[in-house]
Amino acid sequence: PVTRIGQMIGGLVMLLGYGLFALPVGIVATAFAREIHSRDFAITWGMVARVPLFQDLKAAEIAEITKLLRAQSAAPGQVISRRGEPANSMYFIASGAVEAVFETSRMRLEEGAFFGEMALLAERRRTATVSAVSPTQLLVLDSHDLRGLMRRKPAVARHVLDEVMRRRDASGGDMLEEEIVAAQADTV
């Protein structure tokens, strides 16, 4: 275009053309992000639902627990928890691997496993030193967050307290034998 009005119309048509390409890209990107989020939620929900403490909860209650999880990264060799420390959180391994070193043995836990479930039930001490073996992404559930949910949701509180009573005489640490066996079975 040579005239001023022609240049303005040409510029407007050019911007509208960009918009025609940008609109579908935005829609596709939003749908992609939503799909990834849904997949991650389903995987996280599945990890939480496998924990013996939460197995008998309703789907909506498990979803409430997944909202309490926070992400934590660990570099290879980084200590996640030390034997003898107060245990106040549970860990889910989203990716990577960790090694738990007990008094007389060691165990490797990989993606999908969890440890420290008993830390949510009562004040206990860590029974193992757990370190990352590879770059590891963890999801952490703190006991005070779970207790807050229990105050808001009496059905969850009843279930968790029943489980506490059932397990109160179990090992004095944060990892139970059944938890370790389940974790090993999941990684084989």
N, C-alpha and C. Protein backbone atom coordinates (compact mmCIF):
# COMPACT_ATOMS: atom_id res chain seq x y z
N PRO A 1 0.84 -1.20 0.00
CA PRO A 1 0.00 0.00 0.00
C PRO A 1 0.87 1.25 0.00
N VAL A 2 0.40 2.23 -0.77
CA VAL A 2 1.14 3.47 -0.92
C VAL A 2 0.54 4.56 -0.04
N THR A 3 -0.78 4.64 0.02
CA THR A 3 -1.43 5.71 0.81
C THR A 3 -1.42 5.35 2.29
N ARG A 4 -1.63 6.36 3.09
CA ARG A 4 -1.66 6.21 4.55
C ARG A 4 -2.80 5.29 4.97
N ILE A 5 -3.96 5.43 4.40
CA ILE A 5 -5.11 4.59 4.75
C ILE A 5 -4.83 3.14 4.31
N GLY A 6 -4.25 2.95 3.16
CA GLY A 6 -3.91 1.61 2.68
C GLY A 6 -2.91 0.92 3.60
N GLN A 7 -1.91 1.70 4.11
CA GLN A 7 -0.92 1.13 5.03
C GLN A 7 -1.58 0.72 6.34
N MET A 8 -2.54 1.56 6.81
CA MET A 8 -3.23 1.23 8.07
C MET A 8 -4.07 -0.03 7.89
N ILE A 9 -4.78 -0.15 6.78
CA ILE A 9 -5.59 -1.34 6.52
C ILE A 9 -4.69 -2.56 6.37
N GLY A 10 -3.58 -2.41 5.67
CA GLY A 10 -2.62 -3.51 5.51
C GLY A 10 -2.07 -3.97 6.85
N GLY A 11 -1.73 -3.01 7.72
CA GLY A 11 -1.22 -3.35 9.06
C GLY A 11 -2.27 -4.07 9.89
N LEU A 12 -3.54 -3.60 9.79
CA LEU A 12 -4.63 -4.23 10.53
C LEU A 12 -4.86 -5.66 10.04
N VAL A 13 -4.84 -5.87 8.74
CA VAL A 13 -5.01 -7.22 8.18
C VAL A 13 -3.85 -8.12 8.62
N MET A 14 -2.64 -7.57 8.66
CA MET A 14 -1.48 -8.34 9.09
C MET A 14 -1.65 -8.78 10.55
N LEU A 15 -2.09 -7.88 11.43
CA LEU A 15 -2.29 -8.22 12.84
C LEU A 15 -3.40 -9.25 13.00
N LEU A 16 -4.47 -9.12 12.23
CA LEU A 16 -5.54 -10.11 12.27
C LEU A 16 -5.03 -11.48 11.81
N GLY A 17 -4.15 -11.49 10.84
CA GLY A 17 -3.55 -12.75 10.38
C GLY A 17 -2.73 -13.41 11.47
N TYR A 18 -1.95 -12.62 12.21
CA TYR A 18 -1.21 -13.17 13.34
C TYR A 18 -2.16 -13.74 14.38
N GLY A 19 -3.25 -13.03 14.62
CA GLY A 19 -4.25 -13.49 15.59
C GLY A 19 -4.86 -14.83 15.19
N LEU A 20 -5.07 -15.02 13.89
CA LEU A 20 -5.62 -16.29 13.43
C LEU A 20 -4.69 -17.46 13.71
N PHE A 21 -3.38 -17.21 13.70
CA PHE A 21 -2.43 -18.26 14.04
C PHE A 21 -2.27 -18.40 15.56
N ALA A 22 -2.31 -17.29 16.27
CA ALA A 22 -2.08 -17.32 17.72
C ALA A 22 -3.25 -17.96 18.47
N LEU A 23 -4.47 -17.75 18.03
CA LEU A 23 -5.63 -18.28 18.73
C LEU A 23 -5.60 -19.81 18.80
N PRO A 24 -5.42 -20.54 17.71
CA PRO A 24 -5.36 -22.00 17.82
C PRO A 24 -4.17 -22.49 18.64
N VAL A 25 -3.05 -21.80 18.54
CA VAL A 25 -1.88 -22.20 19.32
C VAL A 25 -2.19 -22.08 20.81
N GLY A 26 -2.85 -21.01 21.21
CA GLY A 26 -3.24 -20.83 22.61
C GLY A 26 -4.21 -21.91 23.08
N ILE A 27 -5.16 -22.26 22.24
CA ILE A 27 -6.13 -23.30 22.58
C ILE A 27 -5.44 -24.66 22.73
N VAL A 28 -4.56 -24.99 21.80
CA VAL A 28 -3.83 -26.26 21.86
C VAL A 28 -2.93 -26.30 23.09
N ALA A 29 -2.24 -25.21 23.38
CA ALA A 29 -1.34 -25.17 24.54
C ALA A 29 -2.12 -25.32 25.84
N THR A 30 -3.28 -24.69 25.94
CA THR A 30 -4.11 -24.81 27.14
C THR A 30 -4.60 -26.25 27.31
N ALA A 31 -5.05 -26.86 26.23
CA ALA A 31 -5.51 -28.25 26.30
C ALA A 31 -4.37 -29.19 26.68
N PHE A 32 -3.19 -28.94 26.12
CA PHE A 32 -2.02 -29.75 26.45
C PHE A 32 -1.68 -29.64 27.93
N ALA A 33 -1.66 -28.42 28.44
CA ALA A 33 -1.35 -28.20 29.86
C ALA A 33 -2.39 -28.88 30.74
N ARG A 34 -3.65 -28.79 30.39
CA ARG A 34 -4.72 -29.43 31.16
C ARG A 34 -4.54 -30.95 31.16
N GLU A 35 -4.18 -31.52 30.03
CA GLU A 35 -3.99 -32.97 29.92
C GLU A 35 -2.81 -33.42 30.78
N ILE A 36 -1.73 -32.68 30.74
CA ILE A 36 -0.56 -33.01 31.56
C ILE A 36 -0.93 -32.93 33.04
N HIS A 37 -1.65 -31.88 33.43
CA HIS A 37 -2.06 -31.73 34.82
C HIS A 37 -2.96 -32.89 35.24
N SER A 38 -3.89 -33.30 34.38
CA SER A 38 -4.78 -34.42 34.69
C SER A 38 -4.00 -35.71 34.87
N ARG A 39 -3.02 -35.94 33.99
CA ARG A 39 -2.19 -37.15 34.08
C ARG A 39 -1.39 -37.15 35.39
N ASP A 40 -0.78 -36.01 35.71
CA ASP A 40 -0.01 -35.92 36.95
C ASP A 40 -0.90 -36.14 38.17
N PHE A 41 -2.12 -35.57 38.14
CA PHE A 41 -3.04 -35.75 39.26
C PHE A 41 -3.42 -37.23 39.41
N ALA A 42 -3.68 -37.91 38.29
CA ALA A 42 -4.06 -39.32 38.35
C ALA A 42 -2.92 -40.16 38.92
N ILE A 43 -1.70 -39.87 38.51
CA ILE A 43 -0.54 -40.61 39.02
C ILE A 43 -0.38 -40.36 40.51
N THR A 44 -0.47 -39.10 40.93
CA THR A 44 -0.35 -38.75 42.35
C THR A 44 -1.46 -39.39 43.15
N TRP A 45 -2.69 -39.31 42.65
CA TRP A 45 -3.83 -39.90 43.33
C TRP A 45 -3.60 -41.40 43.52
N GLY A 46 -3.09 -42.06 42.49
CA GLY A 46 -2.81 -43.49 42.58
C GLY A 46 -1.75 -43.82 43.63
N MET A 47 -0.72 -42.99 43.73
CA MET A 47 0.31 -43.22 44.74
C MET A 47 -0.28 -43.10 46.15
N VAL A 48 -1.09 -42.08 46.37
CA VAL A 48 -1.70 -41.88 47.69
C VAL A 48 -2.66 -43.01 48.01
N ALA A 49 -3.45 -43.44 47.03
CA ALA A 49 -4.46 -44.49 47.26
C ALA A 49 -3.82 -45.83 47.63
N ARG A 50 -2.55 -46.06 47.23
CA ARG A 50 -1.87 -47.32 47.54
C ARG A 50 -1.36 -47.40 48.97
N VAL A 51 -1.27 -46.28 49.65
CA VAL A 51 -0.77 -46.26 51.03
C VAL A 51 -1.80 -46.96 51.93
N PRO A 52 -1.38 -47.96 52.70
CA PRO A 52 -2.34 -48.68 53.55
C PRO A 52 -3.19 -47.76 54.43
N LEU A 53 -2.62 -46.68 54.89
CA LEU A 53 -3.35 -45.74 55.73
C LEU A 53 -4.54 -45.12 55.01
N PHE A 54 -4.44 -44.96 53.69
CA PHE A 54 -5.47 -44.26 52.92
C PHE A 54 -6.28 -45.17 51.99
N GLN A 55 -5.99 -46.47 51.96
CA GLN A 55 -6.61 -47.36 50.99
C GLN A 55 -8.13 -47.39 51.05
N ASP A 56 -8.71 -47.29 52.21
CA ASP A 56 -10.17 -47.42 52.33
C ASP A 56 -10.90 -46.08 52.27
N LEU A 57 -10.20 -45.00 51.98
CA LEU A 57 -10.85 -43.70 51.87
C LEU A 57 -11.59 -43.58 50.54
N LYS A 58 -12.56 -42.70 50.50
CA LYS A 58 -13.29 -42.43 49.25
C LYS A 58 -12.39 -41.63 48.32
N ALA A 59 -12.72 -41.67 47.04
CA ALA A 59 -11.93 -40.97 46.02
C ALA A 59 -11.80 -39.48 46.32
N ALA A 60 -12.88 -38.85 46.74
CA ALA A 60 -12.84 -37.41 47.04
C ALA A 60 -11.93 -37.12 48.23
N GLU A 61 -11.90 -38.03 49.20
CA GLU A 61 -11.04 -37.83 50.38
C GLU A 61 -9.57 -37.99 49.99
N ILE A 62 -9.28 -38.94 49.12
CA ILE A 62 -7.90 -39.10 48.64
C ILE A 62 -7.49 -37.87 47.84
N ALA A 63 -8.42 -37.33 47.05
CA ALA A 63 -8.12 -36.11 46.29
C ALA A 63 -7.79 -34.95 47.23
N GLU A 64 -8.48 -34.87 48.37
CA GLU A 64 -8.18 -33.83 49.36
C GLU A 64 -6.76 -33.99 49.90
N ILE A 65 -6.35 -35.21 50.11
CA ILE A 65 -5.00 -35.47 50.61
C ILE A 65 -3.96 -35.09 49.56
N THR A 66 -4.24 -35.40 48.29
CA THR A 66 -3.26 -35.06 47.24
C THR A 66 -3.04 -33.56 47.15
N LYS A 67 -4.05 -32.77 47.51
CA LYS A 67 -3.90 -31.31 47.49
C LYS A 67 -2.92 -30.83 48.56
N LEU A 68 -2.70 -31.64 49.58
CA LEU A 68 -1.79 -31.26 50.67
C LEU A 68 -0.32 -31.51 50.34
N LEU A 69 -0.07 -32.29 49.29
CA LEU A 69 1.30 -32.65 48.96
C LEU A 69 2.09 -31.45 48.45
N ARG A 70 3.35 -31.40 48.84
CA ARG A 70 4.23 -30.36 48.31
C ARG A 70 5.43 -31.03 47.65
N ALA A 71 5.96 -30.40 46.66
CA ALA A 71 7.08 -30.97 45.90
C ALA A 71 8.41 -30.67 46.60
N GLN A 72 9.32 -31.61 46.48
CA GLN A 72 10.68 -31.43 47.00
C GLN A 72 11.63 -32.14 46.05
N SER A 73 12.72 -31.51 45.72
CA SER A 73 13.75 -32.10 44.86
C SER A 73 14.94 -32.50 45.72
N ALA A 74 15.59 -33.58 45.31
CA ALA A 74 16.80 -34.02 46.02
C ALA A 74 17.85 -34.41 44.98
N ALA A 75 19.04 -33.88 45.16
CA ALA A 75 20.17 -34.20 44.28
C ALA A 75 20.79 -35.53 44.72
N PRO A 76 21.49 -36.22 43.83
CA PRO A 76 22.14 -37.47 44.22
C PRO A 76 23.05 -37.26 45.44
N GLY A 77 22.89 -38.15 46.42
CA GLY A 77 23.68 -38.07 47.64
C GLY A 77 23.06 -37.21 48.73
N GLN A 78 22.06 -36.42 48.40
CA GLN A 78 21.43 -35.55 49.39
C GLN A 78 20.61 -36.38 50.37
N VAL A 79 20.80 -36.11 51.67
CA VAL A 79 20.05 -36.81 52.71
C VAL A 79 18.66 -36.19 52.80
N ILE A 80 17.65 -37.05 52.75
CA ILE A 80 16.26 -36.61 52.82
C ILE A 80 15.78 -36.66 54.27
N SER A 81 16.13 -37.73 54.97
CA SER A 81 15.82 -37.83 56.40
C SER A 81 16.91 -38.67 57.07
N ARG A 82 17.19 -38.35 58.33
CA ARG A 82 18.24 -39.04 59.07
C ARG A 82 17.64 -39.94 60.15
N ARG A 83 18.27 -41.07 60.32
CA ARG A 83 17.86 -42.01 61.37
C ARG A 83 17.93 -41.31 62.72
N GLY A 84 16.87 -41.49 63.52
CA GLY A 84 16.82 -40.91 64.85
C GLY A 84 16.15 -39.55 64.93
N GLU A 85 16.01 -38.85 63.81
CA GLU A 85 15.33 -37.55 63.80
C GLU A 85 13.84 -37.74 64.08
N PRO A 86 13.18 -36.71 64.61
CA PRO A 86 11.73 -36.79 64.74
C PRO A 86 11.10 -36.92 63.34
N ALA A 87 10.15 -37.82 63.22
CA ALA A 87 9.49 -38.06 61.93
C ALA A 87 8.16 -37.30 61.92
N ASN A 88 8.03 -36.37 60.98
CA ASN A 88 6.79 -35.59 60.92
C ASN A 88 6.25 -35.46 59.50
N SER A 89 6.75 -36.28 58.59
CA SER A 89 6.24 -36.23 57.22
C SER A 89 6.46 -37.56 56.52
N MET A 90 5.65 -37.75 55.49
CA MET A 90 5.71 -38.94 54.66
C MET A 90 6.16 -38.51 53.28
N TYR A 91 6.86 -39.39 52.57
CA TYR A 91 7.40 -39.06 51.25
C TYR A 91 6.90 -40.04 50.19
N PHE A 92 6.55 -39.51 49.02
CA PHE A 92 6.21 -40.30 47.85
C PHE A 92 7.30 -40.01 46.81
N ILE A 93 7.81 -41.04 46.16
CA ILE A 93 8.85 -40.85 45.15
C ILE A 93 8.17 -40.70 43.79
N ALA A 94 8.14 -39.47 43.28
CA ALA A 94 7.51 -39.19 41.98
C ALA A 94 8.43 -39.60 40.84
N SER A 95 9.73 -39.40 41.00
CA SER A 95 10.71 -39.84 40.02
C SER A 95 12.06 -39.96 40.71
N GLY A 96 12.90 -40.82 40.15
CA GLY A 96 14.22 -41.01 40.74
C GLY A 96 14.23 -42.21 41.68
N ALA A 97 15.23 -42.25 42.55
CA ALA A 97 15.38 -43.36 43.49
C ALA A 97 16.07 -42.87 44.75
N VAL A 98 15.76 -43.55 45.87
CA VAL A 98 16.40 -43.26 47.14
C VAL A 98 16.91 -44.56 47.74
N GLU A 99 17.80 -44.43 48.71
CA GLU A 99 18.29 -45.59 49.44
C GLU A 99 18.04 -45.34 50.92
N ALA A 100 17.41 -46.32 51.56
CA ALA A 100 17.16 -46.25 53.01
C ALA A 100 18.18 -47.16 53.69
N VAL A 101 18.95 -46.58 54.61
CA VAL A 101 19.98 -47.33 55.32
C VAL A 101 19.51 -47.52 56.76
N PHE A 102 19.22 -48.79 57.09
CA PHE A 102 18.80 -49.16 58.44
C PHE A 102 20.03 -49.57 59.24
N GLU A 103 19.83 -49.99 60.47
CA GLU A 103 20.97 -50.42 61.30
C GLU A 103 21.76 -51.54 60.65
N THR A 104 21.04 -52.54 60.14
CA THR A 104 21.73 -53.73 59.63
C THR A 104 21.51 -53.98 58.14
N SER A 105 20.74 -53.15 57.49
CA SER A 105 20.47 -53.40 56.07
C SER A 105 20.24 -52.09 55.33
N ARG A 106 20.13 -52.22 54.03
CA ARG A 106 19.83 -51.06 53.18
C ARG A 106 18.83 -51.51 52.13
N MET A 107 18.06 -50.54 51.65
CA MET A 107 17.02 -50.85 50.68
C MET A 107 16.90 -49.70 49.69
N ARG A 108 16.69 -50.04 48.44
CA ARG A 108 16.51 -49.04 47.40
C ARG A 108 15.01 -48.92 47.10
N LEU A 109 14.51 -47.69 47.06
CA LEU A 109 13.12 -47.42 46.71
C LEU A 109 13.11 -46.55 45.46
N GLU A 110 12.24 -46.88 44.53
CA GLU A 110 12.21 -46.17 43.26
C GLU A 110 10.86 -45.52 43.02
N GLU A 111 10.71 -44.93 41.86
CA GLU A 111 9.51 -44.21 41.48
C GLU A 111 8.24 -44.98 41.83
N GLY A 112 7.30 -44.28 42.48
CA GLY A 112 6.03 -44.89 42.87
C GLY A 112 6.01 -45.40 44.30
N ALA A 113 7.18 -45.57 44.91
CA ALA A 113 7.24 -46.06 46.29
C ALA A 113 7.01 -44.90 47.26
N PHE A 114 6.81 -45.26 48.51
CA PHE A 114 6.63 -44.25 49.55
C PHE A 114 7.34 -44.72 50.81
N PHE A 115 7.62 -43.78 51.70
CA PHE A 115 8.20 -44.13 53.00
C PHE A 115 7.82 -43.09 54.02
N GLY A 116 7.83 -43.52 55.29
CA GLY A 116 7.53 -42.61 56.39
C GLY A 116 6.06 -42.51 56.74
N GLU A 117 5.26 -43.50 56.32
CA GLU A 117 3.82 -43.44 56.57
C GLU A 117 3.50 -43.31 58.06
N MET A 118 4.23 -44.03 58.88
CA MET A 118 3.94 -44.02 60.32
C MET A 118 4.23 -42.67 60.96
N ALA A 119 4.97 -41.82 60.28
CA ALA A 119 5.22 -40.47 60.80
C ALA A 119 3.93 -39.68 60.87
N LEU A 120 2.96 -40.04 60.06
CA LEU A 120 1.69 -39.33 60.06
C LEU A 120 0.79 -39.74 61.21
N LEU A 121 1.04 -40.93 61.76
CA LEU A 121 0.14 -41.49 62.75
C LEU A 121 0.46 -41.07 64.18
N ALA A 122 1.71 -40.94 64.48
CA ALA A 122 2.09 -40.64 65.86
C ALA A 122 3.50 -40.07 65.85
N GLU A 123 3.88 -39.48 66.95
CA GLU A 123 5.25 -38.95 67.04
C GLU A 123 6.20 -40.13 67.13
N ARG A 124 7.06 -40.22 66.15
CA ARG A 124 8.03 -41.31 66.06
C ARG A 124 9.37 -40.75 65.64
N ARG A 125 10.34 -41.62 65.61
CA ARG A 125 11.67 -41.26 65.14
C ARG A 125 11.93 -41.98 63.82
N ARG A 126 12.76 -41.41 62.98
CA ARG A 126 13.12 -42.04 61.72
C ARG A 126 13.92 -43.31 62.01
N THR A 127 13.58 -44.39 61.33
CA THR A 127 14.26 -45.66 61.55
C THR A 127 15.40 -45.88 60.56
N ALA A 128 15.51 -45.01 59.57
CA ALA A 128 16.56 -45.17 58.56
C ALA A 128 17.01 -43.80 58.09
N THR A 129 18.22 -43.75 57.58
CA THR A 129 18.69 -42.56 56.89
C THR A 129 18.39 -42.76 55.42
N VAL A 130 17.65 -41.84 54.84
CA VAL A 130 17.23 -41.96 53.44
C VAL A 130 17.93 -40.88 52.63
N SER A 131 18.62 -41.32 51.56
CA SER A 131 19.36 -40.41 50.68
C SER A 131 18.96 -40.65 49.24
N ALA A 132 19.02 -39.60 48.44
CA ALA A 132 18.73 -39.73 47.01
C ALA A 132 19.89 -40.45 46.32
N VAL A 133 19.55 -41.39 45.45
CA VAL A 133 20.55 -42.13 44.68
C VAL A 133 20.76 -41.45 43.33
N SER A 134 19.70 -40.87 42.81
CA SER A 134 19.72 -40.17 41.53
C SER A 134 18.92 -38.88 41.72
N PRO A 135 18.91 -37.99 40.73
CA PRO A 135 18.04 -36.81 40.88
C PRO A 135 16.61 -37.28 41.15
N THR A 136 16.05 -36.83 42.25
CA THR A 136 14.78 -37.36 42.73
C THR A 136 13.78 -36.24 42.98
N GLN A 137 12.55 -36.49 42.53
CA GLN A 137 11.43 -35.60 42.82
C GLN A 137 10.52 -36.30 43.82
N LEU A 138 10.29 -35.65 44.94
CA LEU A 138 9.46 -36.22 45.99
C LEU A 138 8.20 -35.39 46.17
N LEU A 139 7.16 -36.05 46.65
CA LEU A 139 5.96 -35.37 47.11
C LEU A 139 5.90 -35.62 48.60
N VAL A 140 5.75 -34.55 49.38
CA VAL A 140 5.83 -34.64 50.83
C VAL A 140 4.47 -34.32 51.44
N LEU A 141 4.05 -35.18 52.37
CA LEU A 141 2.82 -34.95 53.14
C LEU A 141 3.23 -34.75 54.58
N ASP A 142 3.04 -33.53 55.09
CA ASP A 142 3.39 -33.22 56.47
C ASP A 142 2.26 -33.61 57.41
N SER A 143 2.63 -34.10 58.59
CA SER A 143 1.61 -34.56 59.54
C SER A 143 0.70 -33.43 59.99
N HIS A 144 1.24 -32.21 60.13
CA HIS A 144 0.36 -31.11 60.57
C HIS A 144 -0.67 -30.75 59.50
N ASP A 145 -0.33 -30.93 58.23
CA ASP A 145 -1.31 -30.69 57.16
C ASP A 145 -2.41 -31.75 57.19
N LEU A 146 -2.01 -33.00 57.41
CA LEU A 146 -3.01 -34.07 57.50
C LEU A 146 -3.91 -33.86 58.71
N ARG A 147 -3.34 -33.44 59.81
CA ARG A 147 -4.16 -33.18 61.01
C ARG A 147 -5.16 -32.05 60.75
N GLY A 148 -4.75 -31.03 60.01
CA GLY A 148 -5.68 -29.95 59.65
C GLY A 148 -6.83 -30.47 58.81
N LEU A 149 -6.52 -31.35 57.85
CA LEU A 149 -7.58 -31.96 57.04
C LEU A 149 -8.50 -32.80 57.92
N MET A 150 -7.94 -33.50 58.87
CA MET A 150 -8.75 -34.34 59.76
C MET A 150 -9.70 -33.49 60.60
N ARG A 151 -9.27 -32.29 60.97
CA ARG A 151 -10.17 -31.39 61.72
C ARG A 151 -11.33 -30.93 60.84
N ARG A 152 -11.06 -30.71 59.55
CA ARG A 152 -12.10 -30.25 58.63
C ARG A 152 -12.98 -31.37 58.12
N LYS A 153 -12.45 -32.59 58.06
CA LYS A 153 -13.17 -33.73 57.48
C LYS A 153 -13.25 -34.86 58.52
N PRO A 154 -14.33 -34.91 59.29
CA PRO A 154 -14.45 -35.94 60.34
C PRO A 154 -14.38 -37.38 59.82
N ALA A 155 -14.85 -37.65 58.60
CA ALA A 155 -14.80 -39.01 58.06
C ALA A 155 -13.35 -39.45 57.87
N VAL A 156 -12.51 -38.55 57.38
CA VAL A 156 -11.09 -38.86 57.22
C VAL A 156 -10.48 -39.09 58.60
N ALA A 157 -10.81 -38.24 59.55
CA ALA A 157 -10.27 -38.37 60.91
C ALA A 157 -10.64 -39.72 61.51
N ARG A 158 -11.90 -40.14 61.36
CA ARG A 158 -12.32 -41.44 61.90
C ARG A 158 -11.50 -42.58 61.30
N HIS A 159 -11.34 -42.53 59.98
CA HIS A 159 -10.59 -43.60 59.32
C HIS A 159 -9.14 -43.63 59.78
N VAL A 160 -8.49 -42.48 59.80
CA VAL A 160 -7.08 -42.41 60.20
C VAL A 160 -6.92 -42.83 61.65
N LEU A 161 -7.81 -42.37 62.54
CA LEU A 161 -7.70 -42.74 63.95
C LEU A 161 -7.94 -44.23 64.16
N ASP A 162 -8.86 -44.82 63.39
CA ASP A 162 -9.05 -46.27 63.46
C ASP A 162 -7.77 -47.00 63.05
N GLU A 163 -7.13 -46.49 62.02
CA GLU A 163 -5.88 -47.10 61.55
C GLU A 163 -4.77 -46.93 62.60
N VAL A 164 -4.75 -45.78 63.27
CA VAL A 164 -3.76 -45.55 64.33
C VAL A 164 -3.96 -46.59 65.43
N MET A 165 -5.21 -46.80 65.83
CA MET A 165 -5.48 -47.77 66.90
C MET A 165 -5.08 -49.18 66.46
N ARG A 166 -5.32 -49.51 65.21
CA ARG A 166 -4.98 -50.83 64.70
C ARG A 166 -3.47 -51.05 64.68
N ARG A 167 -2.72 -49.99 64.44
CA ARG A 167 -1.26 -50.12 64.29
C ARG A 167 -0.47 -49.59 65.47
N ARG A 168 -1.08 -49.20 66.54
CA ARG A 168 -0.35 -48.50 67.60
C ARG A 168 0.78 -49.31 68.22
N ASP A 169 0.68 -50.63 68.14
CA ASP A 169 1.75 -51.45 68.72
C ASP A 169 2.80 -51.84 67.70
N ALA A 170 2.70 -51.28 66.53
CA ALA A 170 3.68 -51.59 65.49
C ALA A 170 5.03 -50.97 65.85
N SER A 171 5.99 -51.17 64.99
CA SER A 171 7.36 -50.71 65.25
C SER A 171 7.38 -49.27 65.76
N GLY A 172 8.41 -48.95 66.50
CA GLY A 172 8.52 -47.62 67.08
C GLY A 172 9.02 -46.56 66.12
N GLY A 173 9.29 -46.94 64.88
CA GLY A 173 9.83 -45.98 63.92
C GLY A 173 8.81 -45.53 62.91
N ASP A 174 9.30 -44.85 61.90
CA ASP A 174 8.41 -44.27 60.90
C ASP A 174 8.17 -45.18 59.71
N MET A 175 8.85 -46.32 59.63
CA MET A 175 8.68 -47.25 58.52
C MET A 175 8.29 -48.62 59.08
N LEU A 176 7.18 -49.15 58.62
CA LEU A 176 6.74 -50.47 59.04
C LEU A 176 7.25 -51.53 58.09
N GLU A 177 7.35 -52.74 58.59
CA GLU A 177 7.79 -53.86 57.76
C GLU A 177 6.88 -54.02 56.55
N GLU A 178 5.55 -53.92 56.74
CA GLU A 178 4.62 -54.07 55.62
C GLU A 178 4.81 -52.95 54.60
N GLU A 179 5.17 -51.76 55.06
CA GLU A 179 5.42 -50.65 54.15
C GLU A 179 6.65 -50.96 53.30
N ILE A 180 7.67 -51.51 53.92
CA ILE A 180 8.91 -51.82 53.21
C ILE A 180 8.67 -52.94 52.21
N VAL A 181 7.95 -53.99 52.62
CA VAL A 181 7.65 -55.10 51.72
C VAL A 181 6.83 -54.61 50.53
N ALA A 182 5.84 -53.77 50.78
CA ALA A 182 5.01 -53.23 49.69
C ALA A 182 5.85 -52.40 48.75
N ALA A 183 6.75 -51.60 49.29
CA ALA A 183 7.61 -50.76 48.45
C ALA A 183 8.53 -51.63 47.60
N GLN A 184 9.07 -52.69 48.18
CA GLN A 184 9.94 -53.58 47.42
C GLN A 184 9.16 -54.30 46.33
N ALA A 185 7.95 -54.74 46.63
CA ALA A 185 7.12 -55.43 45.64
C ALA A 185 6.80 -54.52 44.47
N ASP A 186 6.58 -53.25 44.74
CA ASP A 186 6.25 -52.28 43.69
C ASP A 186 7.43 -51.96 42.79
N THR A 187 8.64 -52.16 43.29
CA THR A 187 9.82 -51.81 42.49
C THR A 187 10.45 -53.01 41.81
N VAL A 188 9.92 -54.21 42.05
CA VAL A 188 10.47 -55.42 41.41
C VAL A 188 9.94 -55.58 40.02
